[in-house]
Structure formats: C-alpha cells, structure tokens
Amino acid sequence: MTQEELAQRIGEKYSTLQAIEAGRLKPTKKAIRGLERELHISLLEPVAAVPVKTSREIESHGPTLGDVVRVKRKKRS
C-alpha cells in the first residue's frame, strides 16, 4: 500500500501523513485510530488510574511552605 492509499483509507491528506511520519506533526486521535485499524497495530496504550495520597497519608518531614508563608492581601481603596 502506498502512502497516498493509506492517507485516503484513514481520511487524512497525503501531506499530513508525510508530516506525521517525519515527526513534524503530532497525529490526531482520528489519524491514530485510522492507522491502528488499517495497519493492524496498536499505537496507544490504556493508562491506569494513579492513586493519589492525601495529606494525611503522606509522612510529615517538618513544616511545609504552606505552613510558613503568610499571604498578604492588598487592601481595596
């Protein structure tokens, strides 16, 4: 299959496909899905949720910037 044929099959311009291949352009999700479908490859990986620790779960190693800084607010005239 030529690049022109591939571009047509995935619904992109030939020049767009060339730019993606050369690294001058990031592919859109539509282009990625089309490439995956036509080339029978996987380009994207599912991302698992990352657990977030709350401030209570994080071990304290002394005062933080938030404990020390006092924010002064400008008085309105």
N, C-alpha and C. Protein backbone atom coordinates (compact mmCIF):
# COMPACT_ATOMS: atom_id res chain seq x y z
N MET A 1 0.86 -1.17 0.00
CA MET A 1 0.00 0.00 0.00
C MET A 1 0.91 1.24 0.00
N THR A 2 0.57 2.21 -0.79
CA THR A 2 1.34 3.45 -0.83
C THR A 2 0.86 4.40 0.26
N GLN A 3 1.66 5.44 0.50
CA GLN A 3 1.25 6.44 1.48
C GLN A 3 -0.02 7.14 1.03
N GLU A 4 -0.16 7.37 -0.27
CA GLU A 4 -1.37 8.01 -0.77
C GLU A 4 -2.60 7.16 -0.47
N GLU A 5 -2.49 5.85 -0.69
CA GLU A 5 -3.60 4.94 -0.41
C GLU A 5 -3.92 4.90 1.08
N LEU A 6 -2.88 4.84 1.90
CA LEU A 6 -3.08 4.81 3.35
C LEU A 6 -3.75 6.09 3.81
N ALA A 7 -3.28 7.23 3.33
CA ALA A 7 -3.87 8.50 3.71
C ALA A 7 -5.35 8.54 3.35
N GLN A 8 -5.68 8.07 2.17
CA GLN A 8 -7.08 8.04 1.73
C GLN A 8 -7.91 7.12 2.62
N ARG A 9 -7.37 5.97 2.95
CA ARG A 9 -8.11 5.00 3.78
C ARG A 9 -8.38 5.50 5.19
N ILE A 10 -7.47 6.32 5.73
CA ILE A 10 -7.67 6.81 7.09
C ILE A 10 -8.30 8.20 7.12
N GLY A 11 -8.57 8.74 5.94
CA GLY A 11 -9.26 10.03 5.88
C GLY A 11 -8.37 11.23 6.16
N GLU A 12 -7.10 11.12 5.83
CA GLU A 12 -6.16 12.23 6.02
C GLU A 12 -5.54 12.61 4.68
N LYS A 13 -4.96 13.80 4.62
CA LYS A 13 -4.24 14.22 3.42
C LYS A 13 -2.89 13.52 3.37
N TYR A 14 -2.41 13.31 2.17
CA TYR A 14 -1.10 12.68 1.98
C TYR A 14 -0.02 13.50 2.66
N SER A 15 -0.08 14.83 2.53
CA SER A 15 0.93 15.70 3.13
C SER A 15 0.88 15.61 4.66
N THR A 16 -0.30 15.43 5.21
CA THR A 16 -0.43 15.28 6.67
C THR A 16 0.24 13.99 7.12
N LEU A 17 0.03 12.93 6.39
CA LEU A 17 0.65 11.65 6.72
C LEU A 17 2.17 11.74 6.62
N GLN A 18 2.68 12.45 5.62
CA GLN A 18 4.12 12.65 5.48
C GLN A 18 4.67 13.42 6.68
N ALA A 19 3.97 14.47 7.09
CA ALA A 19 4.42 15.28 8.22
C ALA A 19 4.42 14.48 9.52
N ILE A 20 3.43 13.62 9.69
CA ILE A 20 3.38 12.75 10.88
C ILE A 20 4.57 11.81 10.87
N GLU A 21 4.83 11.20 9.72
CA GLU A 21 5.93 10.25 9.60
C GLU A 21 7.28 10.93 9.84
N ALA A 22 7.43 12.16 9.39
CA ALA A 22 8.69 12.89 9.55
C ALA A 22 8.85 13.47 10.96
N GLY A 23 7.78 13.42 11.77
CA GLY A 23 7.85 13.94 13.12
C GLY A 23 7.60 15.44 13.21
N ARG A 24 7.14 16.06 12.14
CA ARG A 24 6.84 17.49 12.14
C ARG A 24 5.44 17.79 12.66
N LEU A 25 4.61 16.76 12.78
CA LEU A 25 3.22 16.94 13.18
C LEU A 25 2.81 15.79 14.08
N LYS A 26 2.08 16.12 15.15
CA LYS A 26 1.53 15.06 16.01
C LYS A 26 0.23 14.58 15.40
N PRO A 27 0.01 13.28 15.36
CA PRO A 27 -1.23 12.77 14.78
C PRO A 27 -2.43 13.04 15.68
N THR A 28 -3.57 13.28 15.07
CA THR A 28 -4.81 13.44 15.82
C THR A 28 -5.28 12.06 16.27
N LYS A 29 -6.22 12.03 17.20
CA LYS A 29 -6.78 10.75 17.64
C LYS A 29 -7.41 10.01 16.47
N LYS A 30 -8.05 10.78 15.59
CA LYS A 30 -8.69 10.17 14.41
C LYS A 30 -7.63 9.50 13.53
N ALA A 31 -6.51 10.17 13.31
CA ALA A 31 -5.43 9.60 12.48
C ALA A 31 -4.83 8.37 13.15
N ILE A 32 -4.64 8.44 14.46
CA ILE A 32 -4.08 7.31 15.19
C ILE A 32 -5.00 6.10 15.07
N ARG A 33 -6.28 6.31 15.30
CA ARG A 33 -7.24 5.19 15.21
C ARG A 33 -7.28 4.62 13.79
N GLY A 34 -7.21 5.48 12.79
CA GLY A 34 -7.20 5.02 11.40
C GLY A 34 -5.95 4.20 11.09
N LEU A 35 -4.80 4.66 11.55
CA LEU A 35 -3.56 3.92 11.34
C LEU A 35 -3.60 2.57 12.05
N GLU A 36 -4.12 2.56 13.27
CA GLU A 36 -4.24 1.30 14.00
C GLU A 36 -5.13 0.32 13.25
N ARG A 37 -6.25 0.82 12.75
CA ARG A 37 -7.20 -0.03 12.04
C ARG A 37 -6.60 -0.58 10.74
N GLU A 38 -6.02 0.30 9.94
CA GLU A 38 -5.53 -0.11 8.62
C GLU A 38 -4.25 -0.93 8.68
N LEU A 39 -3.39 -0.64 9.64
CA LEU A 39 -2.10 -1.34 9.72
C LEU A 39 -2.09 -2.48 10.73
N HIS A 40 -3.23 -2.67 11.42
CA HIS A 40 -3.37 -3.74 12.42
C HIS A 40 -2.26 -3.65 13.47
N ILE A 41 -2.10 -2.45 14.00
CA ILE A 41 -1.11 -2.20 15.03
C ILE A 41 -1.77 -1.46 16.19
N SER A 42 -1.05 -1.34 17.29
CA SER A 42 -1.55 -0.60 18.44
C SER A 42 -0.57 0.54 18.73
N LEU A 43 -1.04 1.77 18.68
CA LEU A 43 -0.19 2.93 18.92
C LEU A 43 -0.41 3.55 20.30
N LEU A 44 -1.60 3.38 20.84
CA LEU A 44 -1.92 3.96 22.13
C LEU A 44 -2.09 2.86 23.16
N GLU A 45 -1.64 3.14 24.38
CA GLU A 45 -1.82 2.21 25.48
C GLU A 45 -2.81 2.79 26.46
N PRO A 46 -3.68 1.96 27.03
CA PRO A 46 -4.58 2.48 28.07
C PRO A 46 -3.77 2.90 29.29
N VAL A 47 -4.17 3.98 29.90
CA VAL A 47 -3.48 4.50 31.07
C VAL A 47 -4.31 4.18 32.31
N ALA A 48 -3.68 3.52 33.26
CA ALA A 48 -4.36 3.17 34.50
C ALA A 48 -4.40 4.38 35.43
N ALA A 49 -5.40 4.42 36.27
CA ALA A 49 -5.51 5.49 37.24
C ALA A 49 -4.38 5.38 38.26
N VAL A 50 -3.82 6.51 38.63
CA VAL A 50 -2.74 6.55 39.61
C VAL A 50 -3.33 6.95 40.96
N PRO A 51 -3.09 6.15 41.98
CA PRO A 51 -3.64 6.52 43.29
C PRO A 51 -2.96 7.79 43.81
N VAL A 52 -3.75 8.67 44.39
CA VAL A 52 -3.26 9.93 44.93
C VAL A 52 -3.31 9.86 46.44
N LYS A 53 -2.18 10.18 47.06
CA LYS A 53 -2.13 10.16 48.53
C LYS A 53 -2.65 11.49 49.06
N THR A 54 -3.44 11.41 50.09
CA THR A 54 -3.93 12.62 50.74
C THR A 54 -2.87 13.13 51.69
N SER A 55 -3.02 14.36 52.15
CA SER A 55 -2.03 14.94 53.05
C SER A 55 -1.91 14.15 54.34
N ARG A 56 -2.95 13.47 54.74
CA ARG A 56 -2.89 12.67 55.97
C ARG A 56 -2.08 11.40 55.78
N GLU A 57 -2.03 10.90 54.53
CA GLU A 57 -1.29 9.68 54.25
C GLU A 57 0.20 9.93 54.03
N ILE A 58 0.56 11.16 53.74
CA ILE A 58 1.95 11.50 53.48
C ILE A 58 2.66 11.76 54.81
N GLU A 59 3.79 11.09 55.00
CA GLU A 59 4.55 11.25 56.24
C GLU A 59 5.17 12.65 56.28
N SER A 60 5.00 13.33 57.37
CA SER A 60 5.50 14.69 57.51
C SER A 60 6.97 14.69 57.87
N HIS A 61 7.74 15.55 57.18
CA HIS A 61 9.17 15.70 57.46
C HIS A 61 9.45 17.13 57.91
N GLY A 62 8.54 17.72 58.65
CA GLY A 62 8.73 19.09 59.09
C GLY A 62 7.74 20.01 58.42
N PRO A 63 7.86 21.29 58.67
CA PRO A 63 6.91 22.25 58.11
C PRO A 63 7.06 22.37 56.59
N THR A 64 5.96 22.63 55.94
CA THR A 64 5.97 22.85 54.50
C THR A 64 5.88 24.34 54.22
N LEU A 65 6.02 24.73 52.99
CA LEU A 65 5.91 26.13 52.61
C LEU A 65 4.54 26.69 53.00
N GLY A 66 3.51 25.90 52.87
CA GLY A 66 2.18 26.33 53.24
C GLY A 66 2.02 26.58 54.74
N ASP A 67 2.85 25.92 55.55
CA ASP A 67 2.82 26.13 56.99
C ASP A 67 3.52 27.43 57.39
N VAL A 68 4.44 27.90 56.59
CA VAL A 68 5.30 29.02 56.93
C VAL A 68 4.85 30.34 56.31
N VAL A 69 4.37 30.30 55.08
CA VAL A 69 4.06 31.52 54.33
C VAL A 69 2.75 32.14 54.79
N ARG A 70 2.76 33.45 54.91
CA ARG A 70 1.53 34.19 55.18
C ARG A 70 1.27 35.07 53.97
N VAL A 71 0.12 34.95 53.40
CA VAL A 71 -0.24 35.71 52.21
C VAL A 71 -0.81 37.05 52.61
N LYS A 72 -0.21 38.12 52.10
CA LYS A 72 -0.72 39.46 52.37
C LYS A 72 -1.62 39.85 51.21
N ARG A 73 -2.77 40.32 51.54
CA ARG A 73 -3.72 40.75 50.51
C ARG A 73 -3.74 42.26 50.45
N LYS A 74 -3.82 42.76 49.25
CA LYS A 74 -3.86 44.19 49.04
C LYS A 74 -5.21 44.73 49.47
N LYS A 75 -5.21 45.82 50.24
CA LYS A 75 -6.46 46.41 50.67
C LYS A 75 -7.04 47.21 49.52
N ARG A 76 -8.33 47.05 49.33
CA ARG A 76 -9.02 47.83 48.28
C ARG A 76 -9.34 49.22 48.80
N SER A 77 -9.14 50.19 47.96
CA SER A 77 -9.38 51.58 48.35
C SER A 77 -10.83 51.94 48.21
